[in-house]
Every structure is written in structure tokens, then in C-alpha cells.
Amino acid sequence: MTSQRDWIRTRQLLNRYRAELTQVALDLYPESVRVGRTGFLMPDSWRLRSPVDLGSVDAELVHPPAPIVTGRHTETLPLRPLMSPGKHYDSYRRAMRDLDRPRLFDNRICYRLQDVDWSSDPGRLAPGYMRYFDMIDVGEALAHELALAAIYDQGNVRGDDSLWDRLPFRKLIPDPFDLRTYPLMLSISTLTIRRSRAGSTFLLLRRGTGKKKV
């Protein structure tokens, strides 16, 4: 089916040029919320001026409201291929399951960030529960939409002033820091520094098929 072949091709391009697409996505947002060229977005109110002891942070588990943006919108029809003649897949996750299933693809319970507040001491984080596939239906669909809009022939990746006009699904999330709007999965990155007589070192994981861990 042509629809499915085109979808798979875009997935392949998305994975091949994910780093370049991250930079294109970054430029869609004001410089004031970009964290350099890391690909991360963060408002000033979330940024710590100095390190804090994690043990002092008030973490309160909350029951988040159902997100407004779920990925099952008219705007995502071009991102969900036909499952049968005239019928689109009802979610991005199901298309991934059938057409481009990762090695690990399990709908486990995850934490959804709901609030961040460093205005008082101690600071406060408010996570709630979500499912991993909730992130797939929104996050991967947003990435797929960007790949369709920003990857040209011969793998030329570029953004331009009209890019927002070609991203109707992303327009449903005008403020990425409005955590009630969509499911933002919380993750933790840990840096372990090893100190020895030879100096301080740390480990890095180089991701990618066939690449060694360093």
C-alpha cells in the first residue's frame, strides 16, 4: 500500500536525520527558551542558578488531568497511514507497532511532568502517571510531521520562515511549557564522575546500531 510505504520511508528519514531535525525544531522557538544548541527548551523559571540537593526537593505525586492533545486529531491524519482502503490507523503507536516496531516497544507506566517550581525553598516537582505510548502518539507524531515538512530531496534538511504553516499538529501545542496540554514524559539523566589518581573521568553511551558503548 502506497500510504504505508511512504510512511515507512518518512520514518527512515526521521531516524536518519533526527539530530538535524532537532536543530530545525529548536529554531521554531524563541532563543530565550533554548538551552544553547542542545536541543532542549526550558523557560527561565525552570533554570537553576546553582546545584541543589535532590533530597531537599519536594516531589509530590499528583493526578494529572487528561491531556488536551492526544495525537488523535484531524491534524494527524497525514501522519497516520492507511490501515485499509479508506481507513487510517487510529493512532501513531499502532502504525509503529505494525510497520516500524522497535526492538523494545512496551506500554509501561511512566511519569508525566505536571509542575516545576523553584520560587521557594525547597523547590517542587509534581509528576503524575502516564503511559509510554502516550508519548509516542504525540512526540513521535510531531517528529514525523517535522520530517515531512523539513526534509527535501536528497536528504536536504532545512527550515524556513514558512515552516510553522506546514506544522498543523505542532500548532496545537503553542506553549510547550503548558504541561496540561500534552503528556510530557519525565526522564532522568545521570552523570557519574569517577575520580582517581589519573584524574576525573566519566562514561558516555554512544547510541546506535553496531556502535560500541564508550
C-alpha atoms as a PDB file:
ATOM      1  CA  MET A   1       0.000   0.000   0.000  1.00  0.00           C
ATOM      2  CA  THR A   2       1.473   3.331  -1.095  1.00  0.00           C
ATOM      3  CA  SER A   3       0.383   5.126   2.059  1.00  0.00           C
ATOM      4  CA  GLN A   4       2.252   2.668   4.265  1.00  0.00           C
ATOM      5  CA  ARG A   5       5.375   2.646   2.072  1.00  0.00           C
ATOM      6  CA  ASP A   6       5.516   6.451   2.182  1.00  0.00           C
ATOM      7  CA  TRP A   7       5.054   6.407   5.957  1.00  0.00           C
ATOM      8  CA  ILE A   8       7.872   3.900   6.402  1.00  0.00           C
ATOM      9  CA  ARG A   9      10.152   5.975   4.169  1.00  0.00           C
ATOM     10  CA  THR A  10       9.483   9.083   6.241  1.00  0.00           C
ATOM     11  CA  ARG A  11      10.205   7.106   9.429  1.00  0.00           C
ATOM     12  CA  GLN A  12      13.527   6.033   7.954  1.00  0.00           C
ATOM     13  CA  LEU A  13      14.409   9.616   7.066  1.00  0.00           C
ATOM     14  CA  LEU A  14      13.298  10.798  10.502  1.00  0.00           C
ATOM     15  CA  ASN A  15      15.611   8.349  12.236  1.00  0.00           C
ATOM     16  CA  ARG A  16      18.480   9.079   9.867  1.00  0.00           C
ATOM     17  CA  TYR A  17      18.279  12.851  10.273  1.00  0.00           C
ATOM     18  CA  ARG A  18      16.919  13.088  13.814  1.00  0.00           C
ATOM     19  CA  ALA A  19      19.845  15.204  15.036  1.00  0.00           C
ATOM     20  CA  GLU A  20      19.459  17.693  12.174  1.00  0.00           C
ATOM     21  CA  LEU A  21      15.696  17.831  12.666  1.00  0.00           C
ATOM     22  CA  THR A  22      16.213  18.573  16.354  1.00  0.00           C
ATOM     23  CA  GLN A  23      18.100  21.723  15.384  1.00  0.00           C
ATOM     24  CA  VAL A  24      15.346  22.720  12.944  1.00  0.00           C
ATOM     25  CA  ALA A  25      12.733  22.238  15.671  1.00  0.00           C
ATOM     26  CA  LEU A  26      14.840  24.260  18.101  1.00  0.00           C
ATOM     27  CA  ASP A  27      14.789  27.275  15.789  1.00  0.00           C
ATOM     28  CA  LEU A  28      10.988  27.284  15.818  1.00  0.00           C
ATOM     29  CA  TYR A  29      11.067  28.645  19.366  1.00  0.00           C
ATOM     30  CA  PRO A  30      12.412  31.907  20.842  1.00  0.00           C
ATOM     31  CA  GLU A  31      16.088  31.992  21.694  1.00  0.00           C
ATOM     32  CA  SER A  32      15.174  32.863  25.292  1.00  0.00           C
ATOM     33  CA  VAL A  33      13.872  29.332  25.935  1.00  0.00           C
ATOM     34  CA  ARG A  34      16.607  27.432  24.095  1.00  0.00           C
ATOM     35  CA  VAL A  35      19.369  25.825  26.105  1.00  0.00           C
ATOM     36  CA  GLY A  36      22.170  26.642  23.672  1.00  0.00           C
ATOM     37  CA  ARG A  37      22.144  24.196  20.755  1.00  0.00           C
ATOM     38  CA  THR A  38      21.489  21.161  22.956  1.00  0.00           C
ATOM     39  CA  GLY A  39      18.007  20.665  21.528  1.00  0.00           C
ATOM     40  CA  PHE A  40      16.406  21.341  24.915  1.00  0.00           C
ATOM     41  CA  LEU A  41      13.812  24.013  25.645  1.00  0.00           C
ATOM     42  CA  MET A  42      13.446  25.485  29.125  1.00  0.00           C
ATOM     43  CA  PRO A  43      11.814  28.660  30.443  1.00  0.00           C
ATOM     44  CA  ASP A  44      13.849  30.882  32.706  1.00  0.00           C
ATOM     45  CA  SER A  45      11.720  29.958  35.733  1.00  0.00           C
ATOM     46  CA  TRP A  46      12.819  26.322  35.437  1.00  0.00           C
ATOM     47  CA  ARG A  47      16.548  27.063  35.340  1.00  0.00           C
ATOM     48  CA  LEU A  48      18.557  26.568  38.499  1.00  0.00           C
ATOM     49  CA  ARG A  49      21.183  29.170  39.306  1.00  0.00           C
ATOM     50  CA  SER A  50      23.196  26.647  41.336  1.00  0.00           C
ATOM     51  CA  PRO A  51      23.038  22.894  42.018  1.00  0.00           C
ATOM     52  CA  VAL A  52      20.526  21.631  44.585  1.00  0.00           C
ATOM     53  CA  ASP A  53      20.499  18.551  46.769  1.00  0.00           C
ATOM     54  CA  LEU A  54      17.899  16.196  45.297  1.00  0.00           C
ATOM     55  CA  GLY A  55      16.980  15.141  48.800  1.00  0.00           C
ATOM     56  CA  SER A  56      15.732  18.655  49.506  1.00  0.00           C
ATOM     57  CA  VAL A  57      13.341  18.799  46.533  1.00  0.00           C
ATOM     58  CA  ASP A  58       9.666  18.367  47.349  1.00  0.00           C
ATOM     59  CA  ALA A  59       8.308  15.774  44.908  1.00  0.00           C
ATOM     60  CA  GLU A  60       4.527  15.486  45.055  1.00  0.00           C
ATOM     61  CA  LEU A  61       2.709  12.825  43.062  1.00  0.00           C
ATOM     62  CA  VAL A  62      -0.425  14.328  41.514  1.00  0.00           C
ATOM     63  CA  HIS A  63      -3.299  13.041  39.418  1.00  0.00           C
ATOM     64  CA  PRO A  64      -2.927  14.899  36.128  1.00  0.00           C
ATOM     65  CA  PRO A  65      -5.928  15.859  34.016  1.00  0.00           C
ATOM     66  CA  ALA A  66      -6.411  14.117  30.705  1.00  0.00           C
ATOM     67  CA  PRO A  67      -4.260  15.910  28.120  1.00  0.00           C
ATOM     68  CA  ILE A  68      -5.971  18.044  25.501  1.00  0.00           C
ATOM     69  CA  VAL A  69      -3.550  16.952  22.781  1.00  0.00           C
ATOM     70  CA  THR A  70      -3.513  13.183  22.320  1.00  0.00           C
ATOM     71  CA  GLY A  71      -2.468  12.706  18.708  1.00  0.00           C
ATOM     72  CA  ARG A  72      -5.892  11.513  17.599  1.00  0.00           C
ATOM     73  CA  HIS A  73      -6.777  14.696  15.744  1.00  0.00           C
ATOM     74  CA  THR A  74      -7.665  15.603  12.188  1.00  0.00           C
ATOM     75  CA  GLU A  75      -4.284  17.360  12.024  1.00  0.00           C
ATOM     76  CA  THR A  76      -2.525  13.997  12.413  1.00  0.00           C
ATOM     77  CA  LEU A  77      -4.269  12.209   9.532  1.00  0.00           C
ATOM     78  CA  PRO A  78      -1.272  12.803   7.205  1.00  0.00           C
ATOM     79  CA  LEU A  79       0.910  11.245   9.918  1.00  0.00           C
ATOM     80  CA  ARG A  80      -1.174   8.076  10.271  1.00  0.00           C
ATOM     81  CA  PRO A  81      -1.073   5.850   7.170  1.00  0.00           C
ATOM     82  CA  LEU A  82      -3.983   3.892   5.791  1.00  0.00           C
ATOM     83  CA  MET A  83      -4.602   0.621   7.609  1.00  0.00           C
ATOM     84  CA  SER A  84      -7.006  -0.491   4.898  1.00  0.00           C
ATOM     85  CA  PRO A  85      -8.533   1.310   1.903  1.00  0.00           C
ATOM     86  CA  GLY A  86     -10.161   4.494   3.184  1.00  0.00           C
ATOM     87  CA  LYS A  87      -9.305   3.846   6.853  1.00  0.00           C
ATOM     88  CA  HIS A  88      -6.369   5.472   8.655  1.00  0.00           C
ATOM     89  CA  TYR A  89      -4.649   3.988  11.657  1.00  0.00           C
ATOM     90  CA  ASP A  90      -6.342   5.435  14.735  1.00  0.00           C
ATOM     91  CA  SER A  91      -3.040   6.247  16.465  1.00  0.00           C
ATOM     92  CA  TYR A  92       0.637   6.665  15.695  1.00  0.00           C
ATOM     93  CA  ARG A  93       1.504   3.897  18.152  1.00  0.00           C
ATOM     94  CA  ARG A  94      -0.466   1.306  16.185  1.00  0.00           C
ATOM     95  CA  ALA A  95       1.227   2.286  12.954  1.00  0.00           C
ATOM     96  CA  MET A  96       4.607   1.904  14.662  1.00  0.00           C
ATOM     97  CA  ARG A  97       3.585  -1.465  16.067  1.00  0.00           C
ATOM     98  CA  ASP A  98       2.629  -2.841  12.659  1.00  0.00           C
ATOM     99  CA  LEU A  99       5.036  -1.076  10.298  1.00  0.00           C
ATOM    100  CA  ASP A 100       8.141   0.008  12.200  1.00  0.00           C
ATOM    101  CA  ARG A 101       8.180  -1.765  15.545  1.00  0.00           C
ATOM    102  CA  PRO A 102      11.271  -1.026  17.669  1.00  0.00           C
ATOM    103  CA  ARG A 103      13.037  -3.856  19.446  1.00  0.00           C
ATOM    104  CA  LEU A 104      11.645  -2.635  22.767  1.00  0.00           C
ATOM    105  CA  PHE A 105       8.057  -1.443  22.457  1.00  0.00           C
ATOM    106  CA  ASP A 106       6.154  -1.799  25.702  1.00  0.00           C
ATOM    107  CA  ASN A 107       3.384   0.466  27.005  1.00  0.00           C
ATOM    108  CA  ARG A 108       4.788   0.793  30.508  1.00  0.00           C
ATOM    109  CA  ILE A 109       3.762   3.263  33.174  1.00  0.00           C
ATOM    110  CA  CYS A 110       5.912   6.404  33.121  1.00  0.00           C
ATOM    111  CA  TYR A 111       5.964   9.720  34.949  1.00  0.00           C
ATOM    112  CA  ARG A 112       4.376  12.783  33.382  1.00  0.00           C
ATOM    113  CA  LEU A 113       5.707  16.164  34.470  1.00  0.00           C
ATOM    114  CA  GLN A 114       2.942  18.470  35.693  1.00  0.00           C
ATOM    115  CA  ASP A 115       4.621  21.316  37.549  1.00  0.00           C
ATOM    116  CA  VAL A 116       8.043  22.788  38.256  1.00  0.00           C
ATOM    117  CA  ASP A 117       8.512  25.457  40.919  1.00  0.00           C
ATOM    118  CA  TRP A 118      11.867  26.775  42.128  1.00  0.00           C
ATOM    119  CA  SER A 119      10.482  30.031  43.539  1.00  0.00           C
ATOM    120  CA  SER A 120      10.619  28.763  47.127  1.00  0.00           C
ATOM    121  CA  ASP A 121      12.921  26.624  49.231  1.00  0.00           C
ATOM    122  CA  PRO A 122      12.673  23.704  48.838  1.00  0.00           C
ATOM    123  CA  GLY A 123      11.871  23.524  45.146  1.00  0.00           C
ATOM    124  CA  ARG A 124       8.915  21.482  43.980  1.00  0.00           C
ATOM    125  CA  LEU A 125       8.363  18.932  41.236  1.00  0.00           C
ATOM    126  CA  ALA A 126       4.923  17.496  40.600  1.00  0.00           C
ATOM    127  CA  PRO A 127       4.852  14.324  38.489  1.00  0.00           C
ATOM    128  CA  GLY A 128       1.844  12.213  37.624  1.00  0.00           C
ATOM    129  CA  TYR A 129       1.391   8.935  35.789  1.00  0.00           C
ATOM    130  CA  MET A 130       1.154   8.385  32.061  1.00  0.00           C
ATOM    131  CA  ARG A 131       1.788   5.564  29.608  1.00  0.00           C
ATOM    132  CA  TYR A 132       4.801   5.324  27.317  1.00  0.00           C
ATOM    133  CA  PHE A 133       2.601   5.104  24.227  1.00  0.00           C
ATOM    134  CA  ASP A 134       1.003   8.447  25.154  1.00  0.00           C
ATOM    135  CA  MET A 135       4.387   9.982  24.382  1.00  0.00           C
ATOM    136  CA  ILE A 136       4.638   8.044  21.111  1.00  0.00           C
ATOM    137  CA  ASP A 137       1.244   9.304  19.907  1.00  0.00           C
ATOM    138  CA  VAL A 138       2.305  12.919  20.445  1.00  0.00           C
ATOM    139  CA  GLY A 139       6.106  13.144  20.422  1.00  0.00           C
ATOM    140  CA  GLU A 140       6.835  10.805  17.533  1.00  0.00           C
ATOM    141  CA  ALA A 141       3.934  12.195  15.530  1.00  0.00           C
ATOM    142  CA  LEU A 142       5.344  15.714  15.990  1.00  0.00           C
ATOM    143  CA  ALA A 143       8.745  14.473  14.803  1.00  0.00           C
ATOM    144  CA  HIS A 144       7.154  12.720  11.816  1.00  0.00           C
ATOM    145  CA  GLU A 145       5.328  15.906  10.851  1.00  0.00           C
ATOM    146  CA  LEU A 146       8.568  17.884  11.027  1.00  0.00           C
ATOM    147  CA  ALA A 147      10.348  15.313   8.875  1.00  0.00           C
ATOM    148  CA  LEU A 148       7.644  15.628   6.210  1.00  0.00           C
ATOM    149  CA  ALA A 149       7.940  19.417   6.244  1.00  0.00           C
ATOM    150  CA  ALA A 150      11.707  19.884   6.564  1.00  0.00           C
ATOM    151  CA  ILE A 151      13.367  17.022   4.647  1.00  0.00           C
ATOM    152  CA  TYR A 152      13.686  17.733   0.949  1.00  0.00           C
ATOM    153  CA  ASP A 153      15.062  15.661  -1.910  1.00  0.00           C
ATOM    154  CA  GLN A 154      18.456  14.029  -1.427  1.00  0.00           C
ATOM    155  CA  GLY A 155      18.096  14.299   2.361  1.00  0.00           C
ATOM    156  CA  ASN A 156      18.457  18.064   2.485  1.00  0.00           C
ATOM    157  CA  VAL A 157      17.156  19.166   5.905  1.00  0.00           C
ATOM    158  CA  ARG A 158      16.250  22.799   6.320  1.00  0.00           C
ATOM    159  CA  GLY A 159      13.791  25.114   7.975  1.00  0.00           C
ATOM    160  CA  ASP A 160      12.423  28.389   6.647  1.00  0.00           C
ATOM    161  CA  ASP A 161      10.086  31.190   7.626  1.00  0.00           C
ATOM    162  CA  SER A 162       7.036  29.295   6.383  1.00  0.00           C
ATOM    163  CA  LEU A 163       7.765  26.075   8.294  1.00  0.00           C
ATOM    164  CA  TRP A 164       5.155  26.720  11.004  1.00  0.00           C
ATOM    165  CA  ASP A 165       2.484  26.879   8.308  1.00  0.00           C
ATOM    166  CA  ARG A 166       3.303  23.271   7.412  1.00  0.00           C
ATOM    167  CA  LEU A 167       3.057  22.017  11.008  1.00  0.00           C
ATOM    168  CA  PRO A 168      -0.674  21.995  11.886  1.00  0.00           C
ATOM    169  CA  PHE A 169      -0.290  19.368  14.597  1.00  0.00           C
ATOM    170  CA  ARG A 170       2.537  21.267  16.341  1.00  0.00           C
ATOM    171  CA  LYS A 171       0.328  24.358  16.303  1.00  0.00           C
ATOM    172  CA  LEU A 172      -1.981  22.548  18.743  1.00  0.00           C
ATOM    173  CA  ILE A 173       0.797  22.974  21.339  1.00  0.00           C
ATOM    174  CA  PRO A 174       1.652  26.678  21.034  1.00  0.00           C
ATOM    175  CA  ASP A 175       3.248  26.723  24.502  1.00  0.00           C
ATOM    176  CA  PRO A 176       5.441  23.652  25.140  1.00  0.00           C
ATOM    177  CA  PHE A 177       5.566  24.591  28.847  1.00  0.00           C
ATOM    178  CA  ASP A 178       1.804  24.356  29.341  1.00  0.00           C
ATOM    179  CA  LEU A 179       2.008  20.911  30.892  1.00  0.00           C
ATOM    180  CA  ARG A 180      -1.765  20.472  30.993  1.00  0.00           C
ATOM    181  CA  THR A 181      -1.938  20.450  27.206  1.00  0.00           C
ATOM    182  CA  TYR A 182       0.010  17.340  26.309  1.00  0.00           C
ATOM    183  CA  PRO A 183       1.770  14.397  28.015  1.00  0.00           C
ATOM    184  CA  LEU A 184       5.393  15.373  28.695  1.00  0.00           C
ATOM    185  CA  MET A 185       7.283  12.305  29.859  1.00  0.00           C
ATOM    186  CA  LEU A 186       9.695  12.867  32.728  1.00  0.00           C
ATOM    187  CA  SER A 187      13.146  11.320  32.407  1.00  0.00           C
ATOM    188  CA  ILE A 188      16.319  11.487  34.466  1.00  0.00           C
ATOM    189  CA  SER A 189      19.849  11.857  33.138  1.00  0.00           C
ATOM    190  CA  THR A 190      22.687  10.956  35.486  1.00  0.00           C
ATOM    191  CA  LEU A 191      26.339  11.920  35.175  1.00  0.00           C
ATOM    192  CA  THR A 192      28.697   9.798  37.287  1.00  0.00           C
ATOM    193  CA  ILE A 193      32.181  11.269  37.721  1.00  0.00           C
ATOM    194  CA  ARG A 194      34.953   8.827  38.598  1.00  0.00           C
ATOM    195  CA  ARG A 195      37.913  10.289  40.445  1.00  0.00           C
ATOM    196  CA  SER A 196      41.286   8.618  40.575  1.00  0.00           C
ATOM    197  CA  ARG A 197      44.958   9.494  40.638  1.00  0.00           C
ATOM    198  CA  ALA A 198      44.821   9.672  36.845  1.00  0.00           C
ATOM    199  CA  GLY A 199      42.154  12.370  37.007  1.00  0.00           C
ATOM    200  CA  SER A 200      38.390  12.635  36.741  1.00  0.00           C
ATOM    201  CA  THR A 201      36.569  10.663  34.041  1.00  0.00           C
ATOM    202  CA  PHE A 202      33.010   9.802  33.117  1.00  0.00           C
ATOM    203  CA  LEU A 203      31.221   7.312  30.868  1.00  0.00           C
ATOM    204  CA  LEU A 204      29.262   8.115  27.736  1.00  0.00           C
ATOM    205  CA  LEU A 205      26.846   5.860  25.894  1.00  0.00           C
ATOM    206  CA  ARG A 206      27.098   6.188  22.140  1.00  0.00           C
ATOM    207  CA  ARG A 207      23.711   5.174  20.829  1.00  0.00           C
ATOM    208  CA  GLY A 208      23.218   3.486  17.503  1.00  0.00           C
ATOM    209  CA  THR A 209      23.123   0.084  15.903  1.00  0.00           C
ATOM    210  CA  GLY A 210      26.538  -1.526  15.613  1.00  0.00           C
ATOM    211  CA  LYS A 211      28.296   1.168  17.642  1.00  0.00           C
ATOM    212  CA  LYS A 212      30.235   0.284  20.736  1.00  0.00           C
ATOM    213  CA  LYS A 213      29.439   1.659  24.144  1.00  0.00           C
ATOM    214  CA  VAL A 214      32.074   4.133  25.284  1.00  0.00           C
END
